Amino acid sequence: MRSGPRRFSELPRAIPGLSQRMPTVGIRNLLRDGLIGRRAHPTAPPRVEYSLSPRRESRAVVVNAVADRARANHADIVRGREEFDAGRL
C-alpha cells in the first residue's frame, strides 16, 4: 500500500506466497487497529479500496524496513519452509 490505495483483489498479487485467507484476516486486524482505512465506492459492482491511515504512516519507516528485509530473504525463507516440510529440521 506504499504506492497508494489497493483493492482487496490486488493484495495477494502484491505479496508473493500470500494465501487468500491471509489478506482477509490481516485486513480485518489492520482495520481494527486503525492502521489502514477502508473506502467503499457506490458503484455496481461495489468497489472497495484500502489505504494506509495517518497512524500507519508514522510507522512506515520501520515497517518498510522489516518488509524490505523479508523480501531480500524470501528465497531463504522458502528454502527453510521446504526443509521443515521435508522433515530435515
C-alpha atoms as a PDB file:
ATOM      1  CA  MET A   1       0.000   0.000   0.000  1.00  0.00           C
ATOM      2  CA  ARG A   2       3.052   2.162  -0.160  1.00  0.00           C
ATOM      3  CA  SER A   3       2.094   3.174  -3.674  1.00  0.00           C
ATOM      4  CA  GLY A   4      -1.471   4.235  -2.862  1.00  0.00           C
ATOM      5  CA  PRO A   5      -4.850   2.635  -2.268  1.00  0.00           C
ATOM      6  CA  ARG A   6      -5.268  -1.001  -3.282  1.00  0.00           C
ATOM      7  CA  ARG A   7      -8.335  -3.081  -3.952  1.00  0.00           C
ATOM      8  CA  PHE A   8      -8.716  -6.288  -1.969  1.00  0.00           C
ATOM      9  CA  SER A   9      -8.128  -8.488  -5.017  1.00  0.00           C
ATOM     10  CA  GLU A  10      -4.773  -6.763  -5.654  1.00  0.00           C
ATOM     11  CA  LEU A  11      -3.282  -7.671  -2.285  1.00  0.00           C
ATOM     12  CA  PRO A  12      -2.483 -11.373  -2.892  1.00  0.00           C
ATOM     13  CA  ARG A  13      -0.794 -10.485  -6.190  1.00  0.00           C
ATOM     14  CA  ALA A  14       1.307  -7.807  -4.480  1.00  0.00           C
ATOM     15  CA  ILE A  15       2.608 -10.173  -1.776  1.00  0.00           C
ATOM     16  CA  PRO A  16       4.206 -13.447  -3.011  1.00  0.00           C
ATOM     17  CA  GLY A  17       3.164 -16.592  -1.159  1.00  0.00           C
ATOM     18  CA  LEU A  18       0.154 -14.965   0.494  1.00  0.00           C
ATOM     19  CA  SER A  19      -2.856 -17.239   0.867  1.00  0.00           C
ATOM     20  CA  GLN A  20      -6.373 -15.962   0.176  1.00  0.00           C
ATOM     21  CA  ARG A  21      -7.243 -16.287   3.881  1.00  0.00           C
ATOM     22  CA  MET A  22      -4.300 -14.151   4.984  1.00  0.00           C
ATOM     23  CA  PRO A  23      -5.489 -10.881   3.413  1.00  0.00           C
ATOM     24  CA  THR A  24      -8.964 -11.384   4.881  1.00  0.00           C
ATOM     25  CA  VAL A  25      -7.655 -11.926   8.409  1.00  0.00           C
ATOM     26  CA  GLY A  26      -4.885  -9.360   8.067  1.00  0.00           C
ATOM     27  CA  ILE A  27      -7.112  -6.620   6.713  1.00  0.00           C
ATOM     28  CA  ARG A  28      -9.674  -7.173   9.433  1.00  0.00           C
ATOM     29  CA  ASN A  29      -6.970  -6.854  12.085  1.00  0.00           C
ATOM     30  CA  LEU A  30      -5.371  -3.788  10.469  1.00  0.00           C
ATOM     31  CA  LEU A  31      -8.757  -2.065  10.201  1.00  0.00           C
ATOM     32  CA  ARG A  32      -9.483  -2.872  13.839  1.00  0.00           C
ATOM     33  CA  ASP A  33      -6.094  -1.476  14.879  1.00  0.00           C
ATOM     34  CA  GLY A  34      -6.686   1.691  12.859  1.00  0.00           C
ATOM     35  CA  LEU A  35      -3.612   1.146  10.689  1.00  0.00           C
ATOM     36  CA  ILE A  36      -5.489   1.116   7.380  1.00  0.00           C
ATOM     37  CA  GLY A  37      -8.600   2.830   6.105  1.00  0.00           C
ATOM     38  CA  ARG A  38     -11.405   1.402   4.005  1.00  0.00           C
ATOM     39  CA  ARG A  39     -13.272   3.376   1.372  1.00  0.00           C
ATOM     40  CA  ALA A  40     -16.329   1.926  -0.352  1.00  0.00           C
ATOM     41  CA  HIS A  41     -17.323   3.444  -3.686  1.00  0.00           C
ATOM     42  CA  PRO A  42     -21.032   3.432  -4.605  1.00  0.00           C
ATOM     43  CA  THR A  43     -20.613   1.620  -7.911  1.00  0.00           C
ATOM     44  CA  ALA A  44     -22.028  -1.522  -9.443  1.00  0.00           C
ATOM     45  CA  PRO A  45     -20.363  -3.830  -8.647  1.00  0.00           C
ATOM     46  CA  PRO A  46     -19.226  -2.306  -5.355  1.00  0.00           C
ATOM     47  CA  ARG A  47     -15.591  -1.245  -5.254  1.00  0.00           C
ATOM     48  CA  VAL A  48     -13.647  -1.049  -2.007  1.00  0.00           C
ATOM     49  CA  GLU A  49     -10.134   0.366  -1.597  1.00  0.00           C
ATOM     50  CA  TYR A  50      -7.789   0.084   1.344  1.00  0.00           C
ATOM     51  CA  SER A  51      -5.109   2.640   2.159  1.00  0.00           C
ATOM     52  CA  LEU A  52      -2.698   3.460   4.945  1.00  0.00           C
ATOM     53  CA  SER A  53      -4.062   5.590   7.763  1.00  0.00           C
ATOM     54  CA  PRO A  54      -2.119   8.524   9.223  1.00  0.00           C
ATOM     55  CA  ARG A  55      -1.400   6.300  12.244  1.00  0.00           C
ATOM     56  CA  ARG A  56       0.250   3.742   9.951  1.00  0.00           C
ATOM     57  CA  GLU A  57       2.173   6.388   8.022  1.00  0.00           C
ATOM     58  CA  SER A  58       4.002   7.343  11.223  1.00  0.00           C
ATOM     59  CA  ARG A  59       5.301   3.768  11.472  1.00  0.00           C
ATOM     60  CA  ALA A  60       6.068   3.409   7.776  1.00  0.00           C
ATOM     61  CA  VAL A  61       9.851   3.697   8.054  1.00  0.00           C
ATOM     62  CA  VAL A  62      10.161   0.800  10.499  1.00  0.00           C
ATOM     63  CA  VAL A  63       7.537  -1.385   8.834  1.00  0.00           C
ATOM     64  CA  ASN A  64       9.044  -0.797   5.388  1.00  0.00           C
ATOM     65  CA  ALA A  65      12.494  -1.736   6.684  1.00  0.00           C
ATOM     66  CA  VAL A  66      11.123  -5.045   8.018  1.00  0.00           C
ATOM     67  CA  ALA A  67       9.262  -5.685   4.747  1.00  0.00           C
ATOM     68  CA  ASP A  68      12.373  -4.921   2.704  1.00  0.00           C
ATOM     69  CA  ARG A  69      14.380  -7.339   4.837  1.00  0.00           C
ATOM     70  CA  ALA A  70      11.749 -10.069   4.379  1.00  0.00           C
ATOM     71  CA  ARG A  71      11.735  -9.540   0.613  1.00  0.00           C
ATOM     72  CA  ALA A  72      15.531  -9.673   0.493  1.00  0.00           C
ATOM     73  CA  ASN A  73      15.481 -13.005   2.369  1.00  0.00           C
ATOM     74  CA  HIS A  74      12.441 -14.528   0.676  1.00  0.00           C
ATOM     75  CA  ALA A  75      14.440 -17.300  -1.018  1.00  0.00           C
ATOM     76  CA  ASP A  76      15.973 -18.334   2.327  1.00  0.00           C
ATOM     77  CA  ILE A  77      12.537 -18.342   3.953  1.00  0.00           C
ATOM     78  CA  VAL A  78      11.114 -20.555   1.199  1.00  0.00           C
ATOM     79  CA  ARG A  79      14.115 -22.914   1.458  1.00  0.00           C
ATOM     80  CA  GLY A  80      13.673 -23.129   5.238  1.00  0.00           C
ATOM     81  CA  ARG A  81       9.999 -23.989   4.839  1.00  0.00           C
ATOM     82  CA  GLU A  82      10.825 -26.676   2.284  1.00  0.00           C
ATOM     83  CA  GLU A  83      13.428 -28.191   4.622  1.00  0.00           C
ATOM     84  CA  PHE A  84      10.987 -28.118   7.509  1.00  0.00           C
ATOM     85  CA  ASP A  85       8.200 -29.700   5.425  1.00  0.00           C
ATOM     86  CA  ALA A  86      10.622 -32.408   4.261  1.00  0.00           C
ATOM     87  CA  GLY A  87      11.480 -33.221   7.891  1.00  0.00           C
ATOM     88  CA  ARG A  88      15.082 -32.067   7.608  1.00  0.00           C
ATOM     89  CA  LEU A  89      14.820 -29.651  10.517  1.00  0.00           C
END
